[in-house]
Protein backbone atom coordinates (compact mmCIF):
# COMPACT_ATOMS: atom_id res chain seq x y z
CA MET A 1 65.51 -80.01 219.66
CA ARG A 2 68.27 -76.65 220.45
CA LEU A 3 67.21 -73.46 220.72
CA GLU A 4 70.19 -72.98 218.26
CA ASP A 5 68.23 -74.86 215.53
CA HIS A 6 65.24 -73.13 215.30
CA LYS A 7 64.49 -70.44 212.80
CA ILE A 8 62.28 -67.68 214.45
CA LEU A 9 61.47 -64.60 213.55
CA ILE A 10 60.17 -61.53 215.81
CA LEU A 11 57.90 -58.99 214.10
CA GLY A 12 57.36 -55.61 216.60
CA TRP A 13 61.31 -55.12 217.28
CA PRO A 14 62.97 -51.62 216.77
CA VAL A 15 65.26 -51.91 213.88
CA GLN A 16 66.01 -47.91 213.90
CA PRO A 17 68.70 -47.35 215.41
CA VAL A 18 70.54 -50.86 214.19
CA GLN A 19 70.94 -53.07 217.43
CA GLU A 20 74.42 -54.60 216.50
CA TRP A 21 73.62 -57.25 219.45
CA VAL A 22 71.17 -59.23 217.19
CA LYS A 23 73.92 -60.63 215.32
CA ASN A 24 74.79 -62.69 218.14
CA TYR A 25 71.85 -64.73 217.92
CA PRO A 26 72.17 -65.44 214.11
CA TYR A 27 69.14 -67.90 214.26
CA ILE A 28 66.71 -65.12 214.85
CA THR A 29 65.19 -62.43 212.55
CA ALA A 30 63.66 -59.30 214.40
CA THR A 31 62.06 -56.74 212.26
CA ARG A 32 58.73 -54.44 212.54
CA ILE A 33 55.96 -56.14 210.74
CA TYR A 34 55.22 -53.13 208.45
CA GLN A 35 57.82 -50.70 206.58
CA GLU A 36 59.18 -48.09 208.12
CA GLY A 37 60.87 -45.04 206.44
CA LEU A 38 57.33 -44.39 203.82
CA PRO A 39 56.92 -41.26 202.34
CA ARG A 40 53.71 -39.46 203.66
CA SER A 41 51.59 -40.08 200.78
CA LYS A 42 51.88 -43.69 201.30
CA LYS A 43 52.20 -44.07 205.29
CA ARG A 44 48.36 -42.40 205.02
CA TRP A 45 47.46 -45.22 202.08
CA MET A 46 49.37 -47.62 205.13
CA ASN A 47 47.49 -46.21 208.49
CA ALA A 48 44.19 -46.54 206.37
CA SER A 49 44.29 -50.01 205.35
CA PHE A 50 44.50 -50.91 209.06
CA HIS A 51 40.82 -49.58 209.06
CA THR A 52 39.43 -50.91 205.76
CA PRO A 53 36.91 -53.61 206.22
CA LYS A 54 37.87 -56.84 204.24
CA TRP A 55 35.41 -56.39 201.09
CA LEU A 56 37.77 -53.06 199.90
CA GLN A 57 40.81 -54.53 200.62
CA LYS A 58 41.37 -55.77 196.94
CA ILE A 59 42.39 -52.59 196.29
CA LYS A 60 46.06 -52.94 196.60
CA LYS A 61 46.72 -50.15 198.49
CA LEU A 62 44.03 -50.95 201.12
CA ASN A 63 45.41 -54.13 201.92
CA PRO A 64 47.58 -54.11 204.67
CA THR A 65 49.79 -56.76 203.89
CA THR A 66 51.02 -54.97 200.78
CA TRP A 67 52.63 -52.57 203.49
CA TYR A 68 54.06 -55.82 205.36
CA GLY A 69 58.09 -55.62 205.17
CA LYS A 70 60.66 -57.68 203.53
CA TRP A 71 60.17 -60.60 206.10
CA GLN A 72 56.97 -61.63 204.21
CA ASN A 73 58.93 -62.99 201.13
CA HIS A 74 60.45 -65.50 203.82
CA ILE A 75 57.89 -66.58 206.13
CA ALA A 76 57.80 -69.52 205.23
CA ASP A 77 61.57 -70.48 206.17
CA TYR A 78 60.52 -69.91 209.96
CA ASP A 79 59.03 -72.40 212.46
CA THR A 80 58.35 -69.93 214.95
CA VAL A 81 57.29 -66.25 215.03
CA VAL A 82 56.63 -63.96 218.24
CA LEU A 83 55.13 -60.81 217.76
CA ILE A 84 55.92 -58.35 220.18
CA ASP A 85 53.33 -55.32 221.12
CA GLU A 86 52.14 -54.42 217.28
CA ILE A 87 49.22 -56.42 216.82
CA ARG A 88 46.33 -54.19 214.44
CA GLY A 89 44.28 -56.90 213.57
CA ARG A 90 43.59 -60.68 211.74
CA ASP A 91 45.38 -59.43 208.87
CA ILE A 92 49.03 -60.43 209.82
CA PHE A 93 47.64 -64.16 211.67
CA GLU A 94 45.98 -64.73 208.51
CA TYR A 95 48.84 -64.27 206.10
CA ILE A 96 51.12 -65.91 208.36
CA TYR A 97 49.24 -69.06 208.73
CA GLU A 98 48.27 -68.92 204.84
CA LYS A 99 52.05 -68.60 203.83
CA ASN A 100 53.19 -71.12 206.97
CA PRO A 101 50.00 -73.30 208.71
CA ASN A 102 52.66 -75.48 210.33
CA CYS A 103 54.21 -72.82 212.07
CA LYS A 104 53.90 -71.71 215.87
CA VAL A 105 52.75 -68.00 216.30
CA CYS A 106 53.19 -66.60 219.73
CA VAL A 107 52.20 -62.63 220.85
CA PHE A 108 53.46 -61.05 223.43
CA TYR A 109 52.12 -58.09 225.15
CA ASP A 110 54.46 -55.79 227.58
CA SER A 111 52.21 -52.91 227.32
CA PRO A 112 48.53 -52.22 228.75
CA ILE A 113 45.86 -53.13 226.41
CA LYS A 114 43.03 -50.75 225.48
CA ALA A 115 39.29 -52.24 226.34
CA GLY A 116 38.08 -52.85 222.43
CA SER A 117 41.10 -52.46 220.97
CA LYS A 118 42.23 -55.00 217.73
CA ARG A 119 45.00 -56.19 220.25
CA GLU A 120 42.48 -57.70 222.86
CA PRO A 121 43.55 -61.89 222.95
CA SER A 122 39.96 -62.73 223.17
CA LEU A 123 39.59 -61.63 219.47
CA TYR A 124 41.89 -64.37 218.24
CA GLN A 125 40.52 -67.23 220.35
CA ASP A 126 39.63 -69.39 217.09
CA LEU A 127 43.49 -69.45 216.10
CA PRO A 128 46.30 -71.40 217.50
CA ILE A 129 48.15 -68.05 218.68
CA LYS A 130 50.07 -68.85 222.50
CA PHE A 131 49.83 -65.45 224.13
CA TYR A 132 52.11 -64.26 226.77
CA THR A 133 52.45 -61.21 228.91
CA CYS A 134 54.96 -59.60 231.51
CA ASP A 135 51.70 -57.42 232.82
CA ARG A 136 50.43 -59.56 235.46
CA ARG A 137 47.48 -57.50 235.33
CA ILE A 138 46.81 -58.37 231.66
CA ALA A 139 47.64 -61.88 232.46
CA ASN A 140 44.61 -62.38 235.23
CA GLU A 141 41.97 -60.14 232.99
CA TYR A 142 42.66 -62.08 229.63
CA GLY A 143 43.42 -65.69 231.23
CA ILE A 144 47.03 -65.80 229.37
CA LYS A 145 50.30 -67.17 230.66
CA PHE A 146 52.35 -64.48 232.97
CA MET A 147 55.89 -64.53 231.53
CA PRO A 148 58.45 -61.90 232.73
CA TYR A 149 60.68 -59.88 230.06
CA PHE A 150 64.08 -59.80 229.47
CA TYR A 151 67.00 -57.94 229.44
CA ILE A 152 67.11 -56.55 226.16
CA PHE A 153 70.73 -56.31 226.00
CA SER A 154 71.61 -58.95 227.99
CA PRO A 155 75.55 -60.28 226.73
CA ILE A 156 76.15 -63.51 225.10
CA ASP A 157 80.02 -63.41 226.52
CA PHE A 158 79.23 -62.55 229.95
CA ASN A 159 83.27 -62.77 230.47
CA GLU A 160 83.60 -59.60 228.17
CA TYR A 161 80.72 -58.15 229.74
CA ASP A 162 82.36 -57.84 233.09
CA LYS A 163 84.96 -55.74 232.18
CA LEU A 164 82.37 -52.95 231.76
CA LEU A 165 81.64 -53.38 235.93
CA GLU A 166 85.27 -52.12 236.64
CA SER A 167 84.53 -48.45 236.96
CA GLU A 168 84.07 -46.00 239.42
CA CYS A 169 81.11 -43.96 240.39
CA GLU A 170 80.63 -40.02 239.25
CA GLN A 171 77.46 -39.75 240.75
CA ASP A 172 75.04 -41.09 243.03
CA VAL A 173 71.92 -41.17 240.67
CA PHE A 174 70.82 -41.61 236.86
CA PHE A 175 67.96 -41.78 234.63
CA LEU A 176 67.00 -41.51 231.54
CA GLY A 177 63.57 -41.89 230.08
CA GLU A 178 60.89 -41.06 227.57
CA GLU A 179 59.04 -37.68 228.00
CA LYS A 180 55.71 -38.37 228.86
CA GLY A 181 52.75 -37.49 231.11
CA ASP A 182 53.78 -35.41 234.01
CA ARG A 183 57.64 -36.86 233.82
CA LEU A 184 59.06 -33.37 233.85
CA GLU A 185 57.13 -32.14 236.95
CA GLN A 186 58.08 -35.69 238.54
CA LEU A 187 62.01 -35.37 237.73
CA LYS A 188 61.57 -31.72 239.16
CA HIS A 189 60.14 -32.64 242.53
CA ILE A 190 62.69 -36.03 242.68
CA ARG A 191 65.63 -33.37 241.82
CA GLN A 192 64.69 -31.22 244.44
CA GLU A 193 63.97 -34.11 247.29
CA PHE A 194 67.60 -35.48 246.15
CA ASP A 195 69.32 -31.92 246.50
CA LYS A 196 67.58 -32.28 249.95
CA LEU A 197 69.67 -34.99 251.04
CA GLY A 198 72.77 -34.42 249.14
CA ILE A 199 72.27 -36.99 246.71
CA THR A 200 74.25 -36.40 243.39
CA HIS A 201 72.35 -37.16 240.27
CA ASP A 202 71.60 -37.06 236.45
CA LEU A 203 67.98 -37.14 235.84
CA ARG A 204 66.98 -36.35 231.51
CA LEU A 205 64.23 -37.50 229.55
CA VAL A 206 63.95 -37.73 225.48
CA ARG A 207 61.93 -35.03 224.06
CA LYS A 208 59.25 -35.75 222.16
CA ARG A 209 60.15 -35.24 218.24
CA HIS A 210 56.96 -33.87 217.07
CA GLY A 211 54.09 -31.59 218.64
CA LYS A 212 55.47 -29.74 221.61
CA HIS A 213 58.06 -26.65 222.53
CA TYR A 214 60.23 -27.00 225.29
CA ASN A 215 61.25 -24.10 227.22
CA LYS A 216 64.80 -23.58 228.23
CA GLU A 217 64.71 -24.62 231.16
CA GLU A 218 62.88 -27.96 230.12
CA LEU A 219 65.91 -28.17 227.15
CA ALA A 220 68.53 -28.56 230.07
CA GLN A 221 66.44 -31.57 231.53
CA THR A 222 66.18 -33.21 228.41
CA VAL A 223 67.99 -34.15 225.21
CA ASP A 224 67.26 -35.61 221.55
CA TYR A 225 68.50 -39.26 221.73
CA MET A 226 71.45 -40.86 223.48
CA PRO A 227 73.10 -44.18 221.87
CA TYR A 228 72.78 -47.20 224.31
CA ALA A 229 76.22 -47.61 224.45
CA GLU A 230 76.68 -43.99 225.63
CA TYR A 231 73.62 -44.91 228.10
CA ILE A 232 75.61 -47.61 229.62
CA GLU A 233 78.48 -45.57 230.41
CA HIS A 234 76.36 -43.16 232.72
CA ILE A 235 74.91 -46.20 234.26
CA ARG A 236 78.08 -47.95 234.66
CA HIS A 237 79.45 -44.41 236.60
CA SER A 238 76.67 -44.68 238.76
CA LYS A 239 75.83 -46.28 242.24
CA ALA A 240 71.96 -46.29 241.07
CA ILE A 241 69.16 -46.20 238.37
CA LEU A 242 66.01 -44.49 239.30
CA GLU A 243 63.24 -46.39 237.49
CA LEU A 244 59.41 -44.42 237.15
CA ILE A 245 56.76 -46.63 236.63
CA SER A 246 53.67 -45.48 234.67
CA ASN A 247 50.26 -45.40 236.03
CA GLY A 248 48.85 -48.34 234.93
CA GLN A 249 51.87 -50.63 234.18
CA THR A 250 52.94 -53.34 235.90
CA GLY A 251 56.10 -55.76 235.61
CA LEU A 252 59.43 -55.31 235.10
CA THR A 253 60.76 -52.69 233.26
CA GLN A 254 64.52 -52.69 231.64
CA ARG A 255 65.85 -50.21 234.54
CA ALA A 256 65.31 -53.41 236.82
CA PHE A 257 67.85 -55.68 234.40
CA GLU A 258 69.88 -53.21 234.49
CA ALA A 259 70.43 -52.62 237.92
CA LEU A 260 70.58 -56.10 238.05
CA PHE A 261 73.33 -56.83 235.24
CA PHE A 262 75.30 -53.99 236.22
CA ARG A 263 75.02 -54.61 239.94
CA LYS A 264 73.57 -51.14 240.76
CA LYS A 265 71.12 -50.29 243.25
CA LEU A 266 67.72 -49.68 242.12
CA ILE A 267 65.32 -46.53 243.33
CA THR A 268 61.97 -47.37 241.66
CA ASN A 269 58.23 -46.48 242.66
CA SER A 270 56.76 -50.24 242.02
CA GLU A 271 56.76 -52.54 244.83
CA GLU A 272 56.28 -55.34 242.87
CA ILE A 273 60.15 -55.57 242.33
CA ASN A 274 60.09 -57.72 245.45
CA GLN A 275 58.02 -60.42 243.85
CA TYR A 276 60.90 -61.21 241.78
CA GLY A 277 63.86 -61.78 244.49
CA MET A 278 65.78 -60.43 241.23
CA LEU A 279 67.87 -57.87 243.65
CA ASP A 280 68.97 -58.17 247.05
CA GLU A 281 66.54 -55.87 249.84
CA ASN A 282 69.70 -53.78 249.82
CA ASP A 283 70.19 -53.24 246.57
CA ILE A 284 66.06 -51.68 246.54
CA VAL A 285 64.87 -48.50 247.66
CA LEU A 286 61.38 -47.68 247.51
CA ILE A 287 59.68 -44.69 246.51
CA ASP A 288 55.61 -43.74 247.03
CA GLU A 289 53.10 -42.39 244.90
CA ASN A 290 54.11 -39.07 245.87
CA LEU A 291 57.67 -39.96 245.04
CA GLU A 292 58.41 -39.56 248.43
CA LEU A 293 61.44 -41.99 249.84
CA LYS A 294 59.55 -44.93 251.51
CA THR A 295 63.30 -46.80 252.36
CA ASP A 296 66.54 -45.53 253.80
CA ILE A 297 68.46 -43.97 251.01
CA SER A 298 71.33 -44.82 252.94
CA LYS A 299 71.33 -48.32 251.03
CA LEU A 300 73.02 -46.21 248.19
CA ASN A 301 76.23 -46.73 250.42
CA CYS A 302 75.46 -50.06 251.05
CA GLN A 303 77.97 -52.66 250.11
CA ASN A 304 76.26 -55.43 251.66
CA SER A 305 74.13 -57.37 248.80
CA LYS A 306 73.40 -60.90 249.84
CA LEU A 307 72.56 -61.84 246.35
CA THR A 308 74.85 -65.12 246.32
CA ASN A 309 73.11 -66.48 242.93
CA ARG A 310 73.29 -63.33 240.80
CA ASP A 311 74.81 -65.52 237.98
CA GLU A 312 71.83 -68.11 238.14
CA ILE A 313 69.28 -65.16 237.65
CA GLN A 314 71.09 -63.15 235.36
CA ASN A 315 70.46 -66.14 233.30
CA LYS A 316 66.77 -66.65 233.92
CA TYR A 317 66.57 -62.48 232.35
CA THR A 318 68.69 -63.15 229.32
CA MET A 319 66.73 -63.48 225.43
CA LYS A 320 68.16 -66.90 225.03
CA ALA A 321 66.25 -67.94 228.11
CA TRP A 322 62.74 -65.94 227.17
CA LEU A 323 62.96 -67.91 224.12
CA GLU A 324 63.39 -71.13 225.44
CA LYS A 325 60.27 -70.59 227.19
CA ILE A 326 58.44 -69.68 224.58
CA ILE A 327 59.60 -72.34 222.19
CA ASN A 328 58.92 -75.11 225.15
């Protein structure tokens, strides 16, 4: 059975801002499990429902199913449901199997699992759920299948996509990431190191929406939001992309996929990238845990990439290839 002949529901996918590329996959519906944009009063009820014992869930507002999105009206139409990192308890699985008992249900973890949380796969061993993760540590700890993620914005039409590669570089390194942990300090240090080496750069963080006040210096290093189309333009005009792996995180990030698909160098603090064979050694610059360079920065100007099977590798990391592994 071809992938195109399936009807697949992906739950846990960001729906705001609207991601136009999903329209290229007419056999897929991608959305959040729970309703978004609720007024504060209703959101409090929804959050309370996640911790309500079964016997109290007879009260409608305290039943998690009350807060499911519109997908629940069509759950019987799908032959496969994939949940990405949005598990809050058994209710979602019980609801799917009740409404569609023959449905194939899969869970994919792309972030760490807190011990003792409702996200632990061991809590659902009595259900016929298939578990996957792109994190080798999670795979080893919980005995579930390791499967690399994919480039979320992977193109449908590679010929049209190749036109994006025709651009001149205006800077050496670009980075945009979420402001979390000590990243402001990390980037401050990296900027200083790059400046010493004469490496031009544009390194920014996306500001937290709530709960933090930024001083003038921090505001200059951060942005409120950047559409992905604008982000791609910055990548196109840079020689390299900086990747910063958070503590405890393993696996490939979207930065590695962007380096592959946009034919850029990758500066990263993760040596795991060498295990995938997706980038040539001349395309990888490693930095250590102290954010000091471990490999020669002159690679930024090296044009001798030996990656001869790039198209084959790119096809391995498309959304279509990822879904085919899950379906089969």
